[in-house]
Amino acid sequence: MRSIIDSMRKLTMVPQGITIVTAAFLPIFAIVSMFPAVPSIIDHFSADPDARWKVPLMVSAPGLTIALIAPFAGFFVDKFGRRPLLIWATFFYGIFGTAPFFLDSLNAVFASRLLLGVAEAAILTIVNTLLGDYWDDQGRRNWLLLQGMAGPLMASGVILLSGAASGIRWNGIFLVYLVAFPIFIAMIAFLFEPKKDGVTVKEIVAKPEEATPFPWANVALIGGVTLLASALYYVFIINGGLAFREVGVQDGARLGKLTAIPSLFVVLGSVIFRLMSGRSNATQIGTLFLLVGIGLTGIGLAVDYRWMIAGLVIQQTGVGMAVPVLIAWASSKLTFEHRGRGMGIWTACFFFGQFSSPWFVHKLNDGFGTMQGAFLAMGIIGIVAALVAFVASRRTPPALVAATA
């Protein structure tokens, strides 16, 4: 009877899925929404001689906080439960996100952004944990597909809205963060504390003698692969404009037009992820690394902007696979009572990858003398990682492949 009830619940969990997919966009929203406002914020704080570097760092500050806080968030998620912490984290996301609208000190704005990162660390960790708790592998992949397809559309809408808000007032952009409060209300209405065999994770953790050992080996593998994938993921996002300059594209408006259509191939990557659901995790990871690696290599070898766009199409397709493939893999490797801590470490590694990617690319740029040379080197790293993953997939026992499909 309980299995029948669980099956019926999964079939009627559309409100939960929409709420989680929307909430998962909040941490990305925190960076995407800010870029149109950076010039006006720098102008407002022009009296501060450090504004030109403080403001961009303020934009990315939540990412560093997420990387540092997420493992601890995962610990508390497993100890105290998913739902209450997610609801409170979303509430404070709205508070800290909108706070700069009422502030006129760059240091105070910076501090609010760091606190925003704390809320984001909890949100990312918990929504990814709930994806594993609420659905089986097939259901999880369906919602990850929707998340991958909806993300680019939401990002485009946010950029348009952000541009309009920043045009009204230098800190008008921060009112966009009020979007957290409708999501907060939806969480109260639709989300429930997950259970395994009728027991919550809080109750399992309260009886350590019944808990299984934490899977450190699996988590170390998940963290290492995620760190590498994230570092490759952000190569173009952060340094793509500099690579295009080396083939003669200097104007920002022209760059935006040239990259608009290739960026839509992120959606194709999400579709490929879903089509490969019958393949082993290692094969999916290998495909993601291969596409990103070939794309970065193509950008590195491009002799003009046309060849660079061709490489970008392949790279963006791989990028579209990255997050759903990695989350689906991590969720399948983590048991219910350890999923919060495991996804906390996953989140930390992904954002450490974001933080470290510019440093690696900068060093490679110094070594090769060109940004394209750095892209070529990172592309080769991706291709080598793909080959390792494909070799691992060949060694996966058939029974395990079937279990992860």
Protein backbone atom coordinates (compact mmCIF):
# COMPACT_ATOMS: atom_id res chain seq x y z
CA MET A 1 0.00 0.00 0.00
CA ARG A 2 2.82 2.42 0.89
CA SER A 3 4.51 1.86 -2.50
CA ILE A 4 1.22 2.64 -4.26
CA ILE A 5 0.83 5.85 -2.28
CA ASP A 6 4.43 6.84 -3.10
CA SER A 7 3.81 6.19 -6.81
CA MET A 8 0.64 8.30 -6.79
CA ARG A 9 2.46 11.11 -4.99
CA LYS A 10 5.22 11.19 -7.65
CA LEU A 11 2.59 11.46 -10.39
CA THR A 12 1.00 14.49 -8.72
CA MET A 13 4.19 16.34 -7.78
CA VAL A 14 4.11 18.97 -10.53
CA PRO A 15 3.82 21.91 -8.05
CA GLN A 16 6.84 20.61 -6.14
CA GLY A 17 8.83 20.21 -9.36
CA ILE A 18 8.04 23.71 -10.63
CA THR A 19 8.88 25.20 -7.22
CA ILE A 20 12.24 23.41 -7.08
CA VAL A 21 13.19 24.23 -10.68
CA THR A 22 12.37 27.91 -10.08
CA ALA A 23 14.24 28.00 -6.77
CA ALA A 24 17.29 26.42 -8.38
CA PHE A 25 17.56 29.48 -10.62
CA LEU A 26 17.89 31.91 -7.67
CA PRO A 27 21.69 31.49 -7.19
CA ILE A 28 22.28 31.92 -10.95
CA PHE A 29 19.90 34.86 -10.91
CA ALA A 30 22.18 36.57 -8.35
CA ILE A 31 25.00 36.84 -10.92
CA VAL A 32 23.07 37.12 -14.19
CA SER A 33 20.90 39.99 -12.92
CA MET A 34 23.87 42.12 -11.88
CA PHE A 35 25.93 42.47 -15.06
CA PRO A 36 23.74 45.13 -16.76
CA ALA A 37 23.97 47.28 -13.61
CA VAL A 38 27.76 47.15 -13.09
CA PRO A 39 28.58 50.39 -15.02
CA SER A 40 25.93 52.45 -13.21
CA ILE A 41 27.04 51.11 -9.81
CA ILE A 42 30.67 52.00 -10.59
CA ASP A 43 29.57 55.49 -11.65
CA HIS A 44 27.62 55.97 -8.42
CA PHE A 45 30.66 55.05 -6.31
CA SER A 46 33.14 56.93 -8.52
CA ALA A 47 34.44 58.79 -5.45
CA ASP A 48 35.84 55.48 -4.21
CA PRO A 49 39.17 54.88 -6.04
CA ASP A 50 38.73 51.13 -5.63
CA ALA A 51 35.21 51.02 -7.10
CA ARG A 52 36.36 49.68 -10.48
CA TRP A 53 37.56 46.43 -8.94
CA LYS A 54 35.29 46.32 -5.87
CA VAL A 55 32.05 46.40 -7.86
CA PRO A 56 32.85 43.43 -10.17
CA LEU A 57 34.13 41.53 -7.14
CA MET A 58 30.90 42.41 -5.33
CA VAL A 59 28.97 40.79 -8.19
CA SER A 60 30.86 37.50 -7.91
CA ALA A 61 31.26 37.56 -4.09
CA PRO A 62 28.30 35.19 -3.44
CA GLY A 63 30.06 32.49 -5.46
CA LEU A 64 33.02 32.42 -3.08
CA THR A 65 30.69 32.33 -0.07
CA ILE A 66 28.79 29.42 -1.60
CA ALA A 67 32.03 27.48 -2.11
CA LEU A 68 33.01 28.00 1.54
CA ILE A 69 29.60 27.50 3.17
CA ALA A 70 27.93 24.75 1.11
CA PRO A 71 29.59 21.75 2.88
CA PHE A 72 28.37 23.10 6.24
CA ALA A 73 24.92 23.71 4.76
CA GLY A 74 24.87 20.07 3.69
CA PHE A 75 25.67 18.97 7.25
CA PHE A 76 22.76 20.95 8.69
CA VAL A 77 20.42 19.73 5.94
CA ASP A 78 21.06 16.11 6.94
CA LYS A 79 20.85 16.90 10.64
CA PHE A 80 17.78 19.15 10.79
CA GLY A 81 15.84 18.33 7.62
CA ARG A 82 15.34 19.86 4.17
CA ARG A 83 12.10 21.86 4.13
CA PRO A 84 12.51 24.31 7.05
CA LEU A 85 16.07 25.27 6.13
CA LEU A 86 15.14 25.82 2.46
CA ILE A 87 12.17 28.02 3.39
CA TRP A 88 14.25 30.20 5.72
CA ALA A 89 17.16 30.38 3.27
CA THR A 90 14.83 31.62 0.53
CA PHE A 91 13.32 34.22 2.88
CA PHE A 92 16.75 35.59 3.79
CA TYR A 93 17.78 35.47 0.12
CA GLY A 94 15.03 38.00 -0.50
CA ILE A 95 16.11 40.12 2.49
CA PHE A 96 19.84 40.17 1.68
CA GLY A 97 19.23 40.44 -2.05
CA THR A 98 17.09 43.57 -1.79
CA ALA A 99 19.09 45.14 1.09
CA PRO A 100 21.44 47.17 -1.23
CA PHE A 101 18.41 49.13 -2.47
CA PHE A 102 18.33 50.73 0.98
CA LEU A 103 22.11 51.09 1.37
CA ASP A 104 24.50 53.77 0.14
CA SER A 105 27.84 52.32 1.23
CA LEU A 106 29.81 50.11 -1.13
CA ASN A 107 31.25 48.15 1.81
CA ALA A 108 27.74 47.58 3.20
CA VAL A 109 26.53 46.42 -0.23
CA PHE A 110 29.54 44.08 -0.39
CA ALA A 111 28.66 42.63 3.02
CA SER A 112 25.05 42.05 1.98
CA ARG A 113 26.26 40.16 -1.09
CA LEU A 114 28.41 37.87 1.08
CA LEU A 115 25.38 37.14 3.27
CA LEU A 116 23.37 36.51 0.11
CA GLY A 117 25.91 33.82 -0.74
CA VAL A 118 25.19 32.06 2.57
CA ALA A 119 21.50 31.85 1.64
CA GLU A 120 22.41 30.69 -1.88
CA ALA A 121 24.64 27.91 -0.52
CA ALA A 122 21.70 26.52 1.43
CA ILE A 123 19.25 26.91 -1.47
CA LEU A 124 21.49 25.17 -4.01
CA THR A 125 22.37 22.35 -1.65
CA ILE A 126 18.78 21.68 -0.61
CA VAL A 127 17.08 21.90 -4.02
CA ASN A 128 19.63 19.48 -5.46
CA THR A 129 19.10 17.21 -2.45
CA LEU A 130 15.32 17.30 -2.88
CA LEU A 131 15.69 16.35 -6.55
CA GLY A 132 17.19 13.09 -5.30
CA ASP A 133 14.71 12.68 -2.42
CA TYR A 134 11.44 13.37 -4.22
CA TRP A 135 11.96 11.45 -7.48
CA ASP A 136 13.52 8.30 -8.80
CA ASP A 137 16.16 8.50 -11.54
CA GLN A 138 13.68 8.90 -14.40
CA GLY A 139 11.64 11.60 -12.67
CA ARG A 140 14.81 13.42 -11.64
CA ARG A 141 16.04 13.48 -15.23
CA ASN A 142 12.72 14.88 -16.45
CA TRP A 143 12.87 17.81 -14.04
CA LEU A 144 16.55 18.41 -14.76
CA LEU A 145 15.69 18.56 -18.47
CA LEU A 146 13.02 21.18 -17.76
CA GLN A 147 15.47 23.10 -15.59
CA GLY A 148 18.09 23.06 -18.37
CA MET A 149 15.60 24.24 -20.99
CA ALA A 150 13.96 26.92 -18.84
CA GLY A 151 17.24 28.36 -17.52
CA PRO A 152 18.35 30.22 -20.68
CA LEU A 153 14.85 31.65 -21.15
CA MET A 154 14.69 32.87 -17.55
CA ALA A 155 18.21 34.30 -17.85
CA SER A 156 17.22 36.32 -20.93
CA GLY A 157 14.16 37.68 -19.16
CA VAL A 158 16.18 38.59 -16.09
CA ILE A 159 18.78 40.47 -18.16
CA LEU A 160 16.03 42.52 -19.86
CA LEU A 161 14.35 43.28 -16.53
CA SER A 162 17.68 44.09 -14.89
CA GLY A 163 18.64 46.51 -17.63
CA ALA A 164 15.35 48.37 -17.25
CA ALA A 165 15.64 48.49 -13.45
CA SER A 166 19.23 49.77 -13.49
CA GLY A 167 18.18 52.51 -15.91
CA ILE A 168 15.71 53.90 -13.37
CA ARG A 169 18.12 54.12 -10.42
CA TRP A 170 21.68 52.92 -9.76
CA ASN A 171 20.48 50.37 -7.20
CA GLY A 172 17.05 49.70 -8.72
CA ILE A 173 18.41 46.36 -9.89
CA PHE A 174 18.29 45.01 -6.34
CA LEU A 175 14.48 45.17 -6.25
CA VAL A 176 14.51 42.30 -8.76
CA TYR A 177 15.41 40.04 -5.82
CA LEU A 178 11.85 40.44 -4.53
CA VAL A 179 11.10 37.46 -6.78
CA ALA A 180 12.30 35.29 -3.88
CA PHE A 181 9.18 36.00 -1.82
CA PRO A 182 6.60 34.38 -4.18
CA ILE A 183 8.92 31.35 -4.34
CA PHE A 184 9.10 31.42 -0.52
CA ILE A 185 5.28 31.27 -0.36
CA ALA A 186 5.19 28.43 -2.92
CA MET A 187 7.65 26.45 -0.79
CA ILE A 188 5.42 26.80 2.27
CA ALA A 189 2.40 25.69 0.23
CA PHE A 190 3.84 22.79 -1.77
CA LEU A 191 7.07 21.36 -0.34
CA PHE A 192 7.08 18.59 2.25
CA GLU A 193 9.80 16.95 4.30
CA PRO A 194 10.87 13.78 2.42
CA LYS A 195 10.90 10.40 4.11
CA LYS A 196 12.52 7.04 3.45
CA ASP A 197 10.47 4.07 4.65
CA GLY A 198 8.34 6.51 6.64
CA VAL A 199 11.33 8.07 8.45
CA THR A 200 12.77 11.57 7.98
CA VAL A 201 16.48 12.20 7.63
CA LYS A 202 16.46 14.03 10.98
CA GLU A 203 15.18 10.87 12.66
CA ILE A 204 17.77 8.70 10.89
CA VAL A 205 20.68 10.96 11.89
CA ALA A 206 19.40 10.98 15.49
CA LYS A 207 20.17 7.23 15.61
CA PRO A 208 23.83 7.03 14.51
CA GLU A 209 24.00 3.32 15.26
CA GLU A 210 21.50 2.71 12.42
CA ALA A 211 23.09 5.07 9.88
CA THR A 212 25.37 3.81 7.12
CA PRO A 213 28.98 5.12 6.89
CA PHE A 214 29.48 8.31 4.91
CA PRO A 215 30.65 7.37 1.36
CA TRP A 216 33.87 9.38 1.31
CA ALA A 217 35.29 7.63 -1.77
CA ASN A 218 32.19 8.36 -3.87
CA VAL A 219 32.02 11.94 -2.65
CA ALA A 220 35.73 12.53 -3.39
CA LEU A 221 35.20 11.25 -6.95
CA ILE A 222 32.06 13.38 -7.37
CA GLY A 223 33.88 16.45 -6.05
CA GLY A 224 36.96 16.00 -8.24
CA VAL A 225 34.98 15.48 -11.47
CA THR A 226 32.67 18.40 -10.63
CA LEU A 227 35.61 20.71 -9.92
CA LEU A 228 37.20 19.92 -13.29
CA ALA A 229 33.89 20.18 -15.17
CA SER A 230 33.13 23.53 -13.54
CA ALA A 231 36.57 24.95 -14.37
CA LEU A 232 35.99 24.02 -18.04
CA TYR A 233 32.37 25.24 -17.87
CA TYR A 234 33.40 28.81 -17.01
CA VAL A 235 36.31 29.17 -19.47
CA PHE A 236 34.20 30.81 -22.17
CA ILE A 237 31.73 32.55 -19.85
CA ILE A 238 34.54 34.54 -18.23
CA ASN A 239 37.15 34.84 -21.02
CA GLY A 240 35.20 34.37 -24.25
CA GLY A 241 35.23 38.08 -25.11
CA LEU A 242 39.04 38.14 -24.93
CA ALA A 243 39.28 35.13 -27.27
CA PHE A 244 37.01 36.82 -29.83
CA ARG A 245 39.21 39.92 -29.72
CA GLU A 246 42.11 37.83 -31.03
CA VAL A 247 40.14 37.12 -34.23
CA GLY A 248 39.17 40.75 -34.71
CA VAL A 249 35.83 41.09 -32.88
CA GLN A 250 36.37 44.18 -30.71
CA ASP A 251 32.88 45.68 -30.41
CA GLY A 252 30.74 44.45 -27.51
CA ALA A 253 27.47 44.88 -29.40
CA ARG A 254 28.76 42.81 -32.32
CA LEU A 255 30.02 40.15 -29.91
CA GLY A 256 26.55 39.93 -28.38
CA LYS A 257 24.95 39.43 -31.79
CA LEU A 258 27.49 36.78 -32.84
CA THR A 259 27.10 34.73 -29.67
CA ALA A 260 23.31 35.04 -29.22
CA ILE A 261 22.35 32.06 -31.40
CA PRO A 262 25.23 29.75 -30.34
CA SER A 263 24.26 30.33 -26.69
CA LEU A 264 20.86 28.75 -27.40
CA PHE A 265 22.59 25.41 -27.99
CA VAL A 266 22.69 25.07 -24.19
CA VAL A 267 19.11 23.84 -24.57
CA LEU A 268 20.25 21.16 -27.05
CA GLY A 269 22.71 19.94 -24.42
CA SER A 270 19.85 19.45 -21.96
CA VAL A 271 17.91 17.46 -24.56
CA ILE A 272 20.95 15.26 -25.28
CA PHE A 273 21.25 14.61 -21.54
CA ARG A 274 17.69 13.30 -21.48
CA LEU A 275 18.16 11.22 -24.65
CA MET A 276 21.21 9.56 -23.06
CA SER A 277 19.31 8.48 -19.95
CA GLY A 278 19.80 4.83 -20.93
CA ARG A 279 23.58 5.20 -20.93
CA SER A 280 25.87 4.79 -17.95
CA ASN A 281 26.85 7.82 -15.89
CA ALA A 282 30.45 7.49 -17.08
CA THR A 283 29.34 7.62 -20.72
CA GLN A 284 27.26 10.73 -20.08
CA ILE A 285 30.13 12.43 -18.26
CA GLY A 286 32.52 11.47 -21.07
CA THR A 287 30.16 12.97 -23.67
CA LEU A 288 29.89 16.20 -21.71
CA PHE A 289 33.70 16.51 -21.42
CA LEU A 290 34.17 15.59 -25.09
CA LEU A 291 31.76 18.26 -26.35
CA VAL A 292 33.19 20.98 -24.10
CA GLY A 293 36.75 19.90 -24.93
CA ILE A 294 36.21 19.85 -28.70
CA GLY A 295 34.41 23.20 -28.51
CA LEU A 296 37.19 24.90 -26.53
CA THR A 297 39.80 23.36 -28.83
CA GLY A 298 37.92 24.69 -31.85
CA ILE A 299 37.84 28.17 -30.34
CA GLY A 300 41.56 27.91 -29.61
CA LEU A 301 42.39 26.91 -33.21
CA ALA A 302 39.94 29.29 -34.93
CA VAL A 303 41.44 31.57 -37.58
CA ASP A 304 38.41 33.88 -37.78
CA TYR A 305 35.13 34.54 -35.97
CA ARG A 306 33.20 32.04 -38.13
CA TRP A 307 35.31 29.10 -36.98
CA MET A 308 35.14 30.43 -33.44
CA ILE A 309 31.33 30.42 -33.58
CA ALA A 310 31.42 26.81 -34.83
CA GLY A 311 33.52 25.85 -31.80
CA LEU A 312 31.20 27.83 -29.53
CA VAL A 313 28.15 25.89 -30.76
CA ILE A 314 29.80 22.61 -29.73
CA GLN A 315 31.04 24.05 -26.44
CA GLN A 316 27.62 25.43 -25.50
CA THR A 317 26.00 22.07 -26.26
CA GLY A 318 28.39 20.44 -23.81
CA VAL A 319 27.76 23.18 -21.23
CA GLY A 320 24.04 22.45 -21.50
CA MET A 321 24.73 18.86 -20.43
CA ALA A 322 27.03 19.74 -17.55
CA VAL A 323 24.77 20.60 -14.62
CA PRO A 324 22.02 17.99 -15.24
CA VAL A 325 24.56 15.22 -15.88
CA LEU A 326 26.58 16.02 -12.77
CA ILE A 327 23.55 16.41 -10.49
CA ALA A 328 21.90 13.22 -11.76
CA TRP A 329 25.16 11.30 -11.26
CA ALA A 330 25.78 12.69 -7.77
CA SER A 331 22.19 12.00 -6.67
CA SER A 332 22.42 8.39 -7.83
CA LYS A 333 25.63 7.85 -5.81
CA LEU A 334 24.32 9.32 -2.53
CA THR A 335 21.94 7.61 -0.13
CA PHE A 336 19.05 9.45 1.54
CA GLU A 337 20.77 10.06 4.88
CA HIS A 338 23.98 11.36 3.24
CA ARG A 339 22.53 13.25 0.29
CA GLY A 340 22.55 16.68 1.95
CA ARG A 341 26.23 16.58 2.88
CA GLY A 342 27.14 15.04 -0.47
CA MET A 343 25.29 17.71 -2.45
CA GLY A 344 26.81 20.37 -0.20
CA ILE A 345 30.28 19.19 -1.23
CA TRP A 346 29.11 19.01 -4.87
CA THR A 347 27.94 22.64 -4.66
CA ALA A 348 31.21 23.75 -3.06
CA CYS A 349 33.28 22.04 -5.75
CA PHE A 350 31.21 23.54 -8.56
CA PHE A 351 31.69 27.06 -7.22
CA PHE A 352 35.36 26.50 -6.43
CA GLY A 353 35.62 25.58 -10.09
CA GLN A 354 34.00 28.91 -10.98
CA PHE A 355 36.44 30.72 -8.69
CA SER A 356 39.56 28.87 -9.94
CA SER A 357 38.80 28.83 -13.68
CA PRO A 358 39.97 32.42 -14.36
CA TRP A 359 43.21 31.76 -12.48
CA PHE A 360 44.01 28.64 -14.55
CA VAL A 361 43.15 30.38 -17.81
CA HIS A 362 45.26 33.41 -16.82
CA LYS A 363 48.28 31.18 -16.15
CA LEU A 364 47.82 29.35 -19.44
CA ASN A 365 47.45 32.68 -21.23
CA ASP A 366 50.78 33.79 -19.75
CA GLY A 367 52.38 30.50 -20.79
CA PHE A 368 51.10 30.40 -24.38
CA GLY A 369 51.06 34.14 -24.97
CA THR A 370 47.49 34.18 -26.30
CA MET A 371 43.99 33.60 -24.92
CA GLN A 372 43.31 31.19 -27.76
CA GLY A 373 46.32 29.17 -26.64
CA ALA A 374 44.77 28.97 -23.17
CA PHE A 375 41.46 27.80 -24.68
CA LEU A 376 43.30 25.15 -26.70
CA ALA A 377 45.03 23.83 -23.57
CA MET A 378 41.77 23.68 -21.59
CA GLY A 379 40.10 21.98 -24.54
CA ILE A 380 42.75 19.27 -24.62
CA ILE A 381 42.27 18.75 -20.87
CA GLY A 382 38.56 18.24 -21.52
CA ILE A 383 39.20 15.70 -24.28
CA VAL A 384 41.62 13.74 -22.07
CA ALA A 385 39.01 13.73 -19.27
CA ALA A 386 36.46 12.40 -21.78
CA LEU A 387 38.75 9.54 -22.78
CA VAL A 388 39.24 8.61 -19.11
CA ALA A 389 35.48 8.60 -18.58
CA PHE A 390 34.87 6.44 -21.66
CA VAL A 391 37.47 3.94 -20.48
CA ALA A 392 35.72 3.87 -17.08
CA SER A 393 32.37 3.26 -18.81
CA ARG A 394 33.81 0.22 -20.60
CA ARG A 395 34.84 -1.23 -17.24
CA THR A 396 31.43 -0.67 -15.62
CA PRO A 397 29.67 -3.99 -14.95
CA PRO A 398 26.52 -4.45 -17.09
CA ALA A 399 24.34 -4.79 -13.98
CA LEU A 400 25.53 -1.41 -12.70
CA VAL A 401 24.90 0.25 -16.07
CA ALA A 402 21.34 -1.02 -15.97
CA ALA A 403 20.91 0.22 -12.41
CA THR A 404 22.01 3.75 -13.27
CA ALA A 405 20.02 3.99 -16.48
